[in-house]
Amino acid sequence: MTPPRTILHCDLDAFYASVEQRDHPEYRGKPVIVGGSPGERGVVMAASYEARTFGVRSAMPLRTAALLCPDGIYVPGDLDRYADASDQVMALFAERTPLVEPISLDEAFLDVTASEQLFGGGEAIARELKRDVRERCGLVISIGVASNKLCAKIGSDLRKPDGLVIVPAGGEAAFLAPLPLERLWGVGPKTREVLGGWGLRTIGDLARFDRAALETRLGEHGTDVWDRAHGIDEGEVIGNGPPPKSVGHSHTFGENTLDLAKIESTLLRLAEGVGRRLRGHELVGRTVTLTLRVAPFETRTRQRTLAESTSDDALIYRIARQLLRDCLAVDREGGRTSPVRLVGVSVSGLSAGEQLGLFESTRHNRLNAALDAVRSRFGDEALDRASARETKERRRFSGHKS
């Protein structure tokens, strides 16, 4: 008999809103709504738990959210910053198992069956992950632990925020039985209407129902939902998905700026983030692209292809800075002044690179590996390159704020 697997479903709580509260201490404990201004026609991307007490939910029109929570903190969102936070958390998952299947930026399945001898059982791994995500990433995560993906996913949803639900092997059907039908994969509104017509309200009701009757009315779908009602799910965790086509970061300034030192300091931080993500995925790239958005609404791009692929922060920054200066020189030659609203840098033309240790290859590679290790443990602000620190000092003594 095949021994049971140990599957984790990890789901970051109110992810986008939680990143905003982490990065802006003044937002903590307050209703935060991510997606845009309250008068816009867009929808809510995420709502903090404080906002949810007012009835605000994801995918709700922003105008409706504004009526429910007029005093909330409305922010446009920064997907690059959320991707950075996601990468940090996914790296913690990868420390436990290579079988990590990301579902979105804020959730993933992990198969830790083969990792238990090294890290302990599923519960021990889950508790350690919760602690590391909080201490190293400043975020809160809910985890379900079970013998299959179905029960692990349902478990992670039950006790949010900061939940931990363990479904013992062999207890899947008993765990599911009292839950409402809408918790079960494959039971959408139409199927629920059919089942409700037969007096079925819970997953346990469905598990006790005649399987042949389900097959007659619902066909193969009836067989599938009957199996799931008994906690049967053979789906595997699929790790090592396709590599990204490019890696990039951008930053939108709070106000349009003509301060070249500020723009270049920001560009350095972005280049460091791109290099770190490339190395984390063991990738290198050949094409560096600069994106610049200038007032009023013009987006400019410049790119350069290298002779050899790289993941080196310093090289990415040098090229991006030259592209930036070339881009701004066009304005000067034309007698124009265009304040900058957004700056971004990305690397494409990716291929597999080599994971380097601290004592391997060139001095640059050793430096980058050391910086990655320190920042992974202590945060992005733990170390500055001298150039970034000098820029901060120049700005401080010239009366600018960093």
Protein backbone atom coordinates (compact mmCIF):
# COMPACT_ATOMS: atom_id res chain seq x y z
CA MET A 1 0.00 0.00 0.00
CA THR A 2 1.35 3.42 -0.94
CA PRO A 3 2.05 5.56 2.15
CA PRO A 4 0.08 8.82 2.34
CA ARG A 5 1.57 11.97 0.93
CA THR A 6 2.03 15.19 2.89
CA ILE A 7 0.74 18.20 0.98
CA LEU A 8 0.71 21.81 2.15
CA HIS A 9 -1.41 24.58 0.73
CA CYS A 10 0.08 27.94 1.71
CA ASP A 11 -1.95 31.11 1.27
CA LEU A 12 -0.73 34.59 2.23
CA ASP A 13 -3.45 36.48 4.06
CA ALA A 14 -4.86 39.62 2.34
CA PHE A 15 -1.58 39.62 0.45
CA TYR A 16 -1.49 42.92 -1.46
CA ALA A 17 -3.02 44.84 1.44
CA SER A 18 -0.66 43.13 3.90
CA VAL A 19 2.39 44.18 1.85
CA GLU A 20 1.11 47.77 1.97
CA GLN A 21 0.66 47.55 5.76
CA ARG A 22 4.11 46.01 6.14
CA ASP A 23 5.78 48.72 4.08
CA HIS A 24 3.71 51.58 5.56
CA PRO A 25 3.51 51.19 9.35
CA GLU A 26 0.98 54.02 9.50
CA TYR A 27 -1.50 51.77 7.63
CA ARG A 28 -1.40 48.97 10.21
CA GLY A 29 -4.66 48.30 11.99
CA LYS A 30 -6.53 50.43 9.45
CA PRO A 31 -8.77 49.49 6.49
CA VAL A 32 -6.59 49.33 3.37
CA ILE A 33 -8.12 48.89 -0.08
CA VAL A 34 -5.80 48.14 -3.02
CA GLY A 35 -6.88 48.97 -6.56
CA GLY A 36 -7.10 52.72 -7.01
CA SER A 37 -8.89 55.83 -5.84
CA PRO A 38 -12.43 55.50 -4.46
CA GLY A 39 -13.94 57.49 -7.35
CA GLU A 40 -12.36 55.38 -10.10
CA ARG A 41 -14.21 52.84 -12.23
CA GLY A 42 -11.87 49.95 -11.36
CA VAL A 43 -12.31 47.13 -8.89
CA VAL A 44 -10.79 46.20 -5.55
CA MET A 45 -7.68 44.06 -5.99
CA ALA A 46 -7.35 43.29 -2.26
CA ALA A 47 -8.78 44.44 1.05
CA SER A 48 -7.21 44.19 4.47
CA TYR A 49 -9.13 42.34 7.17
CA GLU A 50 -9.96 45.69 8.74
CA ALA A 51 -11.62 46.73 5.46
CA ARG A 52 -13.48 43.44 5.23
CA THR A 53 -15.35 44.23 8.44
CA PHE A 54 -17.06 46.99 6.43
CA GLY A 55 -18.08 44.48 3.75
CA VAL A 56 -15.33 45.35 1.25
CA ARG A 57 -14.26 42.37 -0.86
CA SER A 58 -11.92 41.64 -3.77
CA ALA A 59 -13.41 42.27 -7.26
CA MET A 60 -15.93 44.73 -5.80
CA PRO A 61 -16.23 48.04 -7.72
CA LEU A 62 -14.14 50.74 -6.07
CA ARG A 63 -17.15 53.03 -6.00
CA THR A 64 -19.10 50.45 -4.00
CA ALA A 65 -16.14 50.02 -1.63
CA ALA A 66 -16.07 53.80 -1.13
CA LEU A 67 -19.72 53.76 -0.04
CA LEU A 68 -19.09 50.93 2.44
CA CYS A 69 -15.78 52.27 3.74
CA PRO A 70 -15.42 55.99 2.95
CA ASP A 71 -12.60 56.48 5.46
CA GLY A 72 -10.47 53.62 4.14
CA ILE A 73 -6.95 54.02 2.83
CA TYR A 74 -7.11 53.59 -0.96
CA VAL A 75 -3.85 52.78 -2.77
CA PRO A 76 -3.26 52.04 -6.48
CA GLY A 77 -1.11 48.96 -5.89
CA ASP A 78 2.40 48.06 -7.02
CA LEU A 79 2.57 44.64 -8.69
CA ASP A 80 6.36 44.72 -8.93
CA ARG A 81 6.63 45.19 -5.17
CA TYR A 82 4.11 42.40 -4.60
CA ALA A 83 6.10 40.15 -6.96
CA ASP A 84 9.23 40.86 -4.91
CA ALA A 85 7.44 39.84 -1.72
CA SER A 86 6.08 36.73 -3.45
CA ASP A 87 9.59 35.75 -4.60
CA GLN A 88 10.87 36.03 -1.02
CA VAL A 89 8.11 33.74 0.27
CA MET A 90 8.46 31.25 -2.61
CA ALA A 91 12.19 31.05 -1.85
CA LEU A 92 11.31 29.92 1.69
CA PHE A 93 9.08 27.22 0.22
CA ALA A 94 11.89 26.06 -2.06
CA GLU A 95 14.16 25.66 0.98
CA ARG A 96 11.87 22.82 2.13
CA THR A 97 11.08 21.02 -1.14
CA PRO A 98 11.64 21.30 -4.90
CA LEU A 99 7.98 20.34 -5.40
CA VAL A 100 6.45 23.81 -5.20
CA GLU A 101 3.47 24.59 -7.45
CA PRO A 102 2.64 28.31 -7.37
CA ILE A 103 -1.03 29.03 -8.09
CA SER A 104 -0.69 32.81 -7.96
CA LEU A 105 1.58 35.38 -6.32
CA ASP A 106 0.11 34.62 -2.91
CA GLU A 107 -0.51 30.88 -2.82
CA ALA A 108 1.19 27.59 -3.63
CA PHE A 109 1.00 23.84 -3.08
CA LEU A 110 4.02 22.07 -1.59
CA ASP A 111 4.63 18.32 -1.55
CA VAL A 112 6.89 17.78 1.49
CA THR A 113 6.54 13.99 1.66
CA ALA A 114 10.23 13.43 0.90
CA SER A 115 11.32 16.28 3.19
CA GLU A 116 9.88 14.95 6.44
CA GLN A 117 12.98 13.08 7.55
CA LEU A 118 15.00 16.27 7.20
CA PHE A 119 12.53 18.88 8.49
CA GLY A 120 10.02 16.88 10.55
CA GLY A 121 6.39 16.07 9.80
CA GLY A 122 3.93 18.22 7.91
CA GLU A 123 2.79 20.12 10.99
CA ALA A 124 6.37 20.92 12.04
CA ILE A 125 7.22 22.14 8.54
CA ALA A 126 4.07 24.27 8.42
CA ARG A 127 4.76 25.88 11.81
CA GLU A 128 8.34 26.65 10.85
CA LEU A 129 7.21 28.16 7.55
CA LYS A 130 4.66 30.36 9.31
CA ARG A 131 7.37 31.63 11.65
CA ASP A 132 9.87 32.26 8.83
CA VAL A 133 7.32 34.06 6.65
CA ARG A 134 6.47 36.35 9.56
CA GLU A 135 10.05 36.99 10.72
CA ARG A 136 11.87 37.11 7.38
CA CYS A 137 9.17 38.55 5.11
CA GLY A 138 6.98 40.48 7.54
CA LEU A 139 3.81 38.71 6.33
CA VAL A 140 1.20 36.33 7.71
CA ILE A 141 0.31 33.04 6.04
CA SER A 142 -2.39 30.40 6.51
CA ILE A 143 -1.53 26.76 5.81
CA GLY A 144 -3.53 23.58 5.35
CA VAL A 145 -1.76 20.23 5.77
CA ALA A 146 -3.31 17.05 4.35
CA SER A 147 -2.66 13.96 2.29
CA ASN A 148 -4.00 15.61 -0.88
CA LYS A 149 -4.37 19.00 -2.55
CA LEU A 150 -8.15 19.15 -2.09
CA CYS A 151 -8.13 18.91 1.70
CA ALA A 152 -4.99 21.04 2.08
CA LYS A 153 -6.61 23.86 0.07
CA ILE A 154 -9.89 23.72 1.98
CA GLY A 155 -7.96 23.55 5.26
CA SER A 156 -5.95 26.70 4.54
CA ASP A 157 -9.17 28.64 3.93
CA LEU A 158 -10.96 27.67 7.14
CA ARG A 159 -9.23 29.66 9.87
CA LYS A 160 -7.90 32.79 8.20
CA PRO A 161 -6.02 34.88 9.05
CA ASP A 162 -2.92 33.15 10.45
CA GLY A 163 -4.59 29.75 10.31
CA LEU A 164 -3.13 26.27 10.55
CA VAL A 165 -5.39 23.27 9.87
CA ILE A 166 -4.10 19.68 9.98
CA VAL A 167 -6.19 16.99 8.28
CA PRO A 168 -4.96 13.56 9.47
CA ALA A 169 -4.42 10.88 6.84
CA GLY A 170 -7.53 8.70 6.76
CA GLY A 171 -9.68 11.46 8.23
CA GLU A 172 -10.37 13.33 4.98
CA ALA A 173 -14.07 12.40 4.67
CA ALA A 174 -14.75 13.19 8.33
CA PHE A 175 -13.01 16.56 7.96
CA LEU A 176 -15.10 17.49 4.91
CA ALA A 177 -18.46 16.13 6.10
CA PRO A 178 -19.78 19.15 8.11
CA LEU A 179 -18.66 21.76 5.57
CA PRO A 180 -21.12 23.43 3.16
CA LEU A 181 -21.21 22.17 -0.41
CA GLU A 182 -19.72 25.37 -1.85
CA ARG A 183 -16.40 24.50 -0.21
CA LEU A 184 -15.98 21.51 -2.55
CA TRP A 185 -14.10 21.84 -5.83
CA GLY A 186 -16.43 21.43 -8.79
CA VAL A 187 -19.61 22.41 -6.97
CA GLY A 188 -20.51 25.72 -8.57
CA PRO A 189 -23.85 27.53 -8.44
CA LYS A 190 -25.55 25.30 -11.04
CA THR A 191 -24.40 22.03 -9.49
CA ARG A 192 -25.27 23.34 -6.02
CA GLU A 193 -28.79 24.16 -7.25
CA VAL A 194 -29.25 20.60 -8.52
CA LEU A 195 -27.90 19.06 -5.31
CA GLY A 196 -29.93 21.46 -3.18
CA GLY A 197 -33.06 20.27 -4.98
CA TRP A 198 -32.32 16.82 -3.56
CA GLY A 199 -32.00 18.22 -0.05
CA LEU A 200 -28.17 18.12 0.01
CA ARG A 201 -26.58 20.94 1.98
CA THR A 202 -23.23 19.67 3.28
CA ILE A 203 -20.36 17.70 1.81
CA GLY A 204 -21.34 14.87 4.14
CA ASP A 205 -24.84 14.84 2.63
CA LEU A 206 -23.25 14.46 -0.80
CA ALA A 207 -20.93 11.67 0.38
CA ARG A 208 -23.92 9.68 1.67
CA PHE A 209 -25.95 10.18 -1.51
CA ASP A 210 -26.32 7.41 -4.07
CA ARG A 211 -23.42 7.53 -6.52
CA ALA A 212 -25.40 5.99 -9.39
CA ALA A 213 -28.07 8.70 -9.09
CA LEU A 214 -25.38 11.36 -9.30
CA GLU A 215 -23.91 9.74 -12.41
CA THR A 216 -27.34 9.55 -14.04
CA ARG A 217 -28.03 13.24 -13.51
CA LEU A 218 -24.53 14.77 -13.74
CA GLY A 219 -22.59 12.20 -15.76
CA GLU A 220 -18.83 12.02 -15.20
CA HIS A 221 -18.98 15.24 -13.18
CA GLY A 222 -21.23 13.45 -10.69
CA THR A 223 -18.58 10.77 -10.20
CA ASP A 224 -15.90 13.41 -9.66
CA VAL A 225 -17.78 15.37 -7.00
CA TRP A 226 -18.82 12.16 -5.22
CA ASP A 227 -15.15 11.11 -5.02
CA ARG A 228 -14.15 14.54 -3.71
CA ALA A 229 -16.90 14.42 -1.09
CA HIS A 230 -15.12 11.34 0.25
CA GLY A 231 -11.80 13.18 0.33
CA ILE A 232 -10.40 11.43 -2.73
CA ASP A 233 -7.99 13.52 -4.83
CA GLU A 234 -5.01 12.05 -6.68
CA GLY A 235 -3.78 15.35 -8.15
CA GLU A 236 0.00 15.78 -7.93
CA VAL A 237 1.99 18.86 -7.01
CA ILE A 238 3.75 19.97 -10.18
CA GLY A 239 7.02 21.77 -9.49
CA ASN A 240 9.58 23.46 -11.73
CA GLY A 241 7.24 25.35 -14.04
CA PRO A 242 8.43 27.14 -17.20
CA PRO A 243 10.96 29.93 -16.58
CA PRO A 244 9.83 33.54 -17.00
CA LYS A 245 10.48 35.34 -20.29
CA SER A 246 11.79 38.42 -18.51
CA VAL A 247 12.50 39.71 -15.01
CA GLY A 248 11.85 43.35 -14.21
CA HIS A 249 10.95 45.94 -11.59
CA SER A 250 9.56 49.45 -11.78
CA HIS A 251 8.82 52.28 -9.37
CA THR A 252 6.22 55.02 -9.58
CA PHE A 253 7.24 58.21 -7.81
CA GLY A 254 4.74 59.88 -5.52
CA GLU A 255 5.29 63.10 -7.46
CA ASN A 256 6.86 63.74 -10.87
CA THR A 257 10.56 64.46 -10.45
CA LEU A 258 13.45 66.07 -12.31
CA ASP A 259 15.98 65.00 -9.64
CA LEU A 260 18.46 62.84 -11.57
CA ALA A 261 20.18 61.64 -8.37
CA LYS A 262 16.83 60.42 -7.03
CA ILE A 263 15.96 58.68 -10.29
CA GLU A 264 19.36 56.97 -10.54
CA SER A 265 19.30 55.90 -6.89
CA THR A 266 15.89 54.32 -7.51
CA LEU A 267 17.20 52.68 -10.67
CA LEU A 268 20.07 51.15 -8.69
CA ARG A 269 17.62 49.59 -6.23
CA LEU A 270 15.55 48.23 -9.10
CA ALA A 271 18.63 46.75 -10.80
CA GLU A 272 19.65 45.07 -7.55
CA GLY A 273 16.19 43.53 -7.28
CA VAL A 274 16.31 42.27 -10.86
CA GLY A 275 19.76 40.74 -10.35
CA ARG A 276 18.70 39.05 -7.13
CA ARG A 277 15.60 37.55 -8.75
CA LEU A 278 17.63 36.31 -11.73
CA ARG A 279 20.12 34.60 -9.43
CA GLY A 280 17.32 33.20 -7.28
CA HIS A 281 15.86 31.51 -10.37
CA GLU A 282 19.34 30.55 -11.63
CA LEU A 283 18.84 32.61 -14.79
CA VAL A 284 20.92 35.02 -16.83
CA GLY A 285 19.81 37.41 -19.57
CA ARG A 286 21.23 39.31 -22.54
CA THR A 287 18.89 42.27 -23.10
CA VAL A 288 18.53 45.15 -20.63
CA THR A 289 15.47 47.36 -21.13
CA LEU A 290 14.78 50.73 -19.49
CA THR A 291 11.20 51.97 -19.19
CA LEU A 292 10.56 55.63 -18.45
CA ARG A 293 7.19 57.33 -18.06
CA VAL A 294 7.35 61.11 -18.34
CA ALA A 295 4.77 63.86 -18.00
CA PRO A 296 2.17 64.14 -19.17
CA PHE A 297 1.51 60.53 -20.32
CA GLU A 298 4.43 59.43 -22.51
CA THR A 299 6.13 56.05 -22.03
CA ARG A 300 9.63 55.60 -23.45
CA THR A 301 11.70 52.44 -23.72
CA ARG A 302 15.36 51.89 -24.56
CA GLN A 303 17.21 48.60 -24.66
CA ARG A 304 20.65 47.16 -25.23
CA THR A 305 21.70 43.58 -25.97
CA LEU A 306 24.91 42.34 -24.38
CA ALA A 307 27.59 40.17 -25.90
CA GLU A 308 27.26 37.75 -22.96
CA SER A 309 24.37 36.97 -20.64
CA THR A 310 24.50 38.26 -17.06
CA SER A 311 22.72 38.45 -13.71
CA ASP A 312 25.15 41.00 -12.24
CA ASP A 313 23.47 43.96 -10.51
CA ALA A 314 26.29 46.40 -11.24
CA LEU A 315 26.35 45.68 -14.97
CA ILE A 316 22.56 45.83 -15.26
CA TYR A 317 22.60 49.18 -13.44
CA ARG A 318 25.41 50.67 -15.54
CA ILE A 319 23.61 49.86 -18.77
CA ALA A 320 20.23 51.03 -17.46
CA ARG A 321 21.75 54.29 -16.20
CA GLN A 322 23.33 54.98 -19.60
CA LEU A 323 20.01 54.23 -21.31
CA LEU A 324 18.34 56.64 -18.87
CA ARG A 325 20.81 59.41 -19.63
CA ASP A 326 20.50 58.81 -23.36
CA CYS A 327 16.74 59.02 -23.03
CA LEU A 328 16.82 62.28 -21.07
CA ALA A 329 19.43 63.79 -23.40
CA VAL A 330 16.81 63.80 -26.18
CA ASP A 331 14.79 66.26 -24.09
CA ARG A 332 17.75 68.53 -23.44
CA GLU A 333 18.67 68.64 -27.11
CA GLY A 334 15.10 69.57 -27.96
CA GLY A 335 14.95 72.23 -25.27
CA ARG A 336 12.28 70.32 -23.33
CA THR A 337 11.90 69.40 -19.67
CA SER A 338 9.90 66.23 -18.97
CA PRO A 339 9.46 65.28 -15.30
CA VAL A 340 9.70 61.54 -14.63
CA ARG A 341 6.74 59.68 -13.15
CA LEU A 342 7.94 56.04 -13.42
CA VAL A 343 11.25 54.30 -13.98
CA GLY A 344 11.72 50.59 -14.59
CA VAL A 345 14.37 48.10 -15.65
CA SER A 346 14.03 44.54 -16.95
CA VAL A 347 16.25 41.81 -18.35
CA SER A 348 15.05 39.46 -21.11
CA GLY A 349 16.57 36.92 -23.46
CA LEU A 350 16.84 34.57 -20.49
CA SER A 351 18.65 31.27 -20.25
CA ALA A 352 19.62 28.92 -17.46
CA GLY A 353 22.50 30.14 -15.36
CA GLU A 354 24.59 28.54 -12.65
CA GLN A 355 23.96 28.78 -8.91
CA LEU A 356 27.23 30.15 -7.52
CA GLY A 357 28.61 29.65 -4.04
CA LEU A 358 30.37 32.33 -2.02
CA PHE A 359 33.83 31.08 -3.01
CA GLU A 360 33.23 30.43 -6.70
CA SER A 361 33.85 32.35 -9.92
CA THR A 362 34.57 36.07 -10.11
CA ARG A 363 34.73 38.72 -7.42
CA HIS A 364 31.43 40.18 -8.68
CA ASN A 365 29.71 36.81 -8.39
CA ARG A 366 31.02 36.30 -4.85
CA LEU A 367 29.88 39.78 -3.86
CA ASN A 368 26.42 39.23 -5.31
CA ALA A 369 26.08 35.85 -3.58
CA ALA A 370 27.08 37.40 -0.25
CA LEU A 371 24.66 40.31 -0.68
CA ASP A 372 21.85 37.91 -1.57
CA ALA A 373 22.51 35.80 1.52
CA VAL A 374 22.53 38.78 3.90
CA ARG A 375 19.46 40.44 2.38
CA SER A 376 17.54 37.17 2.35
CA ARG A 377 18.14 36.81 6.07
CA PHE A 378 17.95 40.41 7.27
CA GLY A 379 15.97 42.30 4.60
CA ASP A 380 16.71 44.52 1.61
CA GLU A 381 17.93 47.44 3.73
CA ALA A 382 20.54 45.39 5.59
CA LEU A 383 23.30 46.33 3.12
CA ASP A 384 23.79 49.20 0.71
CA ARG A 385 26.31 49.41 -2.08
CA ALA A 386 28.58 52.42 -1.60
CA SER A 387 27.08 54.16 -4.62
CA ALA A 388 23.60 54.00 -3.13
CA ARG A 389 24.78 55.26 0.23
CA GLU A 390 26.72 58.12 -1.40
CA THR A 391 23.61 59.13 -3.30
CA LYS A 392 21.63 59.21 -0.08
CA GLU A 393 24.27 61.35 1.60
CA ARG A 394 24.39 63.80 -1.31
CA ARG A 395 20.63 64.14 -1.18
CA ARG A 396 20.58 64.59 2.60
CA PHE A 397 23.20 67.35 2.56
CA SER A 398 21.52 69.08 -0.38
CA GLY A 399 18.27 69.28 1.55
CA HIS A 400 16.46 66.36 -0.16
CA LYS A 401 14.79 63.50 1.65
CA SER A 402 15.73 59.94 0.76
